[in-house]
Amino acid sequence: MITVTRLTGQPFAINPDLIERIECTPDTILVLMDGTRYLVAETMPDVVAMVQEYRAGVISRALQPAEQPPAARPELRPVVPLPTRPQGE
């Protein structure tokens, strides 16, 4: 999520993956994939930089080795005992 500011000064967070385009008319408008529009105080270059920083952070965290090795898989056992066949069948 990135944090942007409404023209009223109220900050809010938005998922940058949902931003389809950014318009500058001269106010900055974020247009989402579903057509929703948000008027924000940040400039277009500021929003672009925030999105780039967000995505770079996602990639860098994905490439970091795990701090702990993955846990061993638990042994799977039947929840209900299965019926056994008598010998000789």
C-alpha atoms as a PDB file:
ATOM      1  CA  MET A   1       0.000   0.000   0.000  1.00  0.00           C
ATOM      2  CA  ILE A   2       1.089   3.560  -0.596  1.00  0.00           C
ATOM      3  CA  THR A   3      -0.134   6.521   1.425  1.00  0.00           C
ATOM      4  CA  VAL A   4      -1.452   9.560  -0.429  1.00  0.00           C
ATOM      5  CA  THR A   5      -3.311  12.664   0.736  1.00  0.00           C
ATOM      6  CA  ARG A   6      -6.735  13.970  -0.235  1.00  0.00           C
ATOM      7  CA  LEU A   7      -6.956  17.671  -1.026  1.00  0.00           C
ATOM      8  CA  THR A   8      -8.656  18.074   2.377  1.00  0.00           C
ATOM      9  CA  GLY A   9      -5.405  16.930   4.007  1.00  0.00           C
ATOM     10  CA  GLN A  10      -6.727  13.505   5.026  1.00  0.00           C
ATOM     11  CA  PRO A  11      -4.216  10.725   4.273  1.00  0.00           C
ATOM     12  CA  PHE A  12      -5.355   7.349   2.976  1.00  0.00           C
ATOM     13  CA  ALA A  13      -3.682   4.193   1.712  1.00  0.00           C
ATOM     14  CA  ILE A  14      -4.281   2.687  -1.689  1.00  0.00           C
ATOM     15  CA  ASN A  15      -3.135  -0.511  -3.377  1.00  0.00           C
ATOM     16  CA  PRO A  16      -0.786   0.666  -6.151  1.00  0.00           C
ATOM     17  CA  ASP A  17      -1.475  -2.494  -8.165  1.00  0.00           C
ATOM     18  CA  LEU A  18      -5.017  -1.195  -8.743  1.00  0.00           C
ATOM     19  CA  ILE A  19      -3.899   2.119 -10.272  1.00  0.00           C
ATOM     20  CA  GLU A  20      -4.576   2.074 -14.017  1.00  0.00           C
ATOM     21  CA  ARG A  21      -3.332   5.568 -14.759  1.00  0.00           C
ATOM     22  CA  ILE A  22      -2.468   8.925 -13.219  1.00  0.00           C
ATOM     23  CA  GLU A  23      -3.899  12.097 -14.705  1.00  0.00           C
ATOM     24  CA  CYS A  24      -2.596  15.603 -14.123  1.00  0.00           C
ATOM     25  CA  THR A  25      -5.230  18.242 -14.993  1.00  0.00           C
ATOM     26  CA  PRO A  26      -3.519  20.236 -13.117  1.00  0.00           C
ATOM     27  CA  ASP A  27      -4.678  18.305 -10.019  1.00  0.00           C
ATOM     28  CA  THR A  28      -3.403  14.755  -9.709  1.00  0.00           C
ATOM     29  CA  ILE A  29      -6.099  12.129 -10.233  1.00  0.00           C
ATOM     30  CA  LEU A  30      -5.526   8.430  -9.574  1.00  0.00           C
ATOM     31  CA  VAL A  31      -7.762   6.326 -11.810  1.00  0.00           C
ATOM     32  CA  LEU A  32      -8.216   2.750 -10.609  1.00  0.00           C
ATOM     33  CA  MET A  33      -8.903  -0.338 -12.724  1.00  0.00           C
ATOM     34  CA  ASP A  34     -12.614  -0.200 -11.840  1.00  0.00           C
ATOM     35  CA  GLY A  35     -12.896   3.470 -12.888  1.00  0.00           C
ATOM     36  CA  THR A  36     -12.837   4.920  -9.367  1.00  0.00           C
ATOM     37  CA  ARG A  37     -11.066   8.279  -9.318  1.00  0.00           C
ATOM     38  CA  TYR A  38      -9.188   9.841  -6.405  1.00  0.00           C
ATOM     39  CA  LEU A  39      -8.040  13.456  -6.352  1.00  0.00           C
ATOM     40  CA  VAL A  40      -4.768  13.652  -4.399  1.00  0.00           C
ATOM     41  CA  ALA A  41      -2.409  16.407  -3.247  1.00  0.00           C
ATOM     42  CA  GLU A  42       0.776  14.631  -4.405  1.00  0.00           C
ATOM     43  CA  THR A  43       2.214  15.362  -7.833  1.00  0.00           C
ATOM     44  CA  MET A  44       2.336  12.760 -10.581  1.00  0.00           C
ATOM     45  CA  PRO A  45       6.127  12.277 -10.194  1.00  0.00           C
ATOM     46  CA  ASP A  46       5.652  11.817  -6.429  1.00  0.00           C
ATOM     47  CA  VAL A  47       3.015   9.103  -6.927  1.00  0.00           C
ATOM     48  CA  VAL A  48       5.125   7.374  -9.587  1.00  0.00           C
ATOM     49  CA  ALA A  49       8.112   7.391  -7.197  1.00  0.00           C
ATOM     50  CA  MET A  50       5.959   5.924  -4.383  1.00  0.00           C
ATOM     51  CA  VAL A  51       4.727   3.123  -6.667  1.00  0.00           C
ATOM     52  CA  GLN A  52       8.279   2.369  -7.831  1.00  0.00           C
ATOM     53  CA  GLU A  53       9.528   2.283  -4.226  1.00  0.00           C
ATOM     54  CA  TYR A  54       6.648   0.010  -3.189  1.00  0.00           C
ATOM     55  CA  ARG A  55       7.330  -2.450  -6.025  1.00  0.00           C
ATOM     56  CA  ALA A  56      11.088  -2.405  -5.422  1.00  0.00           C
ATOM     57  CA  GLY A  57      10.400  -3.252  -1.770  1.00  0.00           C
ATOM     58  CA  VAL A  58       8.168  -6.173  -2.744  1.00  0.00           C
ATOM     59  CA  ILE A  59      10.862  -7.579  -5.029  1.00  0.00           C
ATOM     60  CA  SER A  60      13.684  -7.092  -2.517  1.00  0.00           C
ATOM     61  CA  ARG A  61      11.707  -8.851   0.244  1.00  0.00           C
ATOM     62  CA  ALA A  62      10.889 -11.718  -2.119  1.00  0.00           C
ATOM     63  CA  LEU A  63      14.573 -12.193  -2.938  1.00  0.00           C
ATOM     64  CA  GLN A  64      15.766 -12.206   0.683  1.00  0.00           C
ATOM     65  CA  PRO A  65      16.500 -15.648   2.085  1.00  0.00           C
ATOM     66  CA  ALA A  66      14.111 -16.856   4.734  1.00  0.00           C
ATOM     67  CA  GLU A  67      15.224 -16.105   8.275  1.00  0.00           C
ATOM     68  CA  GLN A  68      14.199 -19.555   9.454  1.00  0.00           C
ATOM     69  CA  PRO A  69      14.300 -22.808   7.536  1.00  0.00           C
ATOM     70  CA  PRO A  70      10.867 -24.087   6.590  1.00  0.00           C
ATOM     71  CA  ALA A  71       9.268 -26.215   9.275  1.00  0.00           C
ATOM     72  CA  ALA A  72       9.327 -29.973   8.810  1.00  0.00           C
ATOM     73  CA  ARG A  73       6.155 -31.346   7.320  1.00  0.00           C
ATOM     74  CA  PRO A  74       3.945 -32.920   9.961  1.00  0.00           C
ATOM     75  CA  GLU A  75       3.328 -36.642   9.835  1.00  0.00           C
ATOM     76  CA  LEU A  76      -0.099 -37.306   8.352  1.00  0.00           C
ATOM     77  CA  ARG A  77      -2.238 -39.934  10.020  1.00  0.00           C
ATOM     78  CA  PRO A  78      -5.874 -40.923   9.481  1.00  0.00           C
ATOM     79  CA  VAL A  79      -8.314 -39.135  11.737  1.00  0.00           C
ATOM     80  CA  VAL A  80     -10.569 -42.185  11.980  1.00  0.00           C
ATOM     81  CA  PRO A  81      -9.004 -45.643  12.260  1.00  0.00           C
ATOM     82  CA  LEU A  82      -9.418 -47.538   9.015  1.00  0.00           C
ATOM     83  CA  PRO A  83     -11.044 -50.978   9.202  1.00  0.00           C
ATOM     84  CA  THR A  84      -8.602 -53.822   8.777  1.00  0.00           C
ATOM     85  CA  ARG A  85      -9.209 -56.880   6.656  1.00  0.00           C
ATOM     86  CA  PRO A  86      -9.062 -60.235   8.327  1.00  0.00           C
ATOM     87  CA  GLN A  87      -6.071 -62.331   7.283  1.00  0.00           C
ATOM     88  CA  GLY A  88      -6.652 -64.635   4.298  1.00  0.00           C
ATOM     89  CA  GLU A  89      -9.087 -62.524   2.312  1.00  0.00           C
END
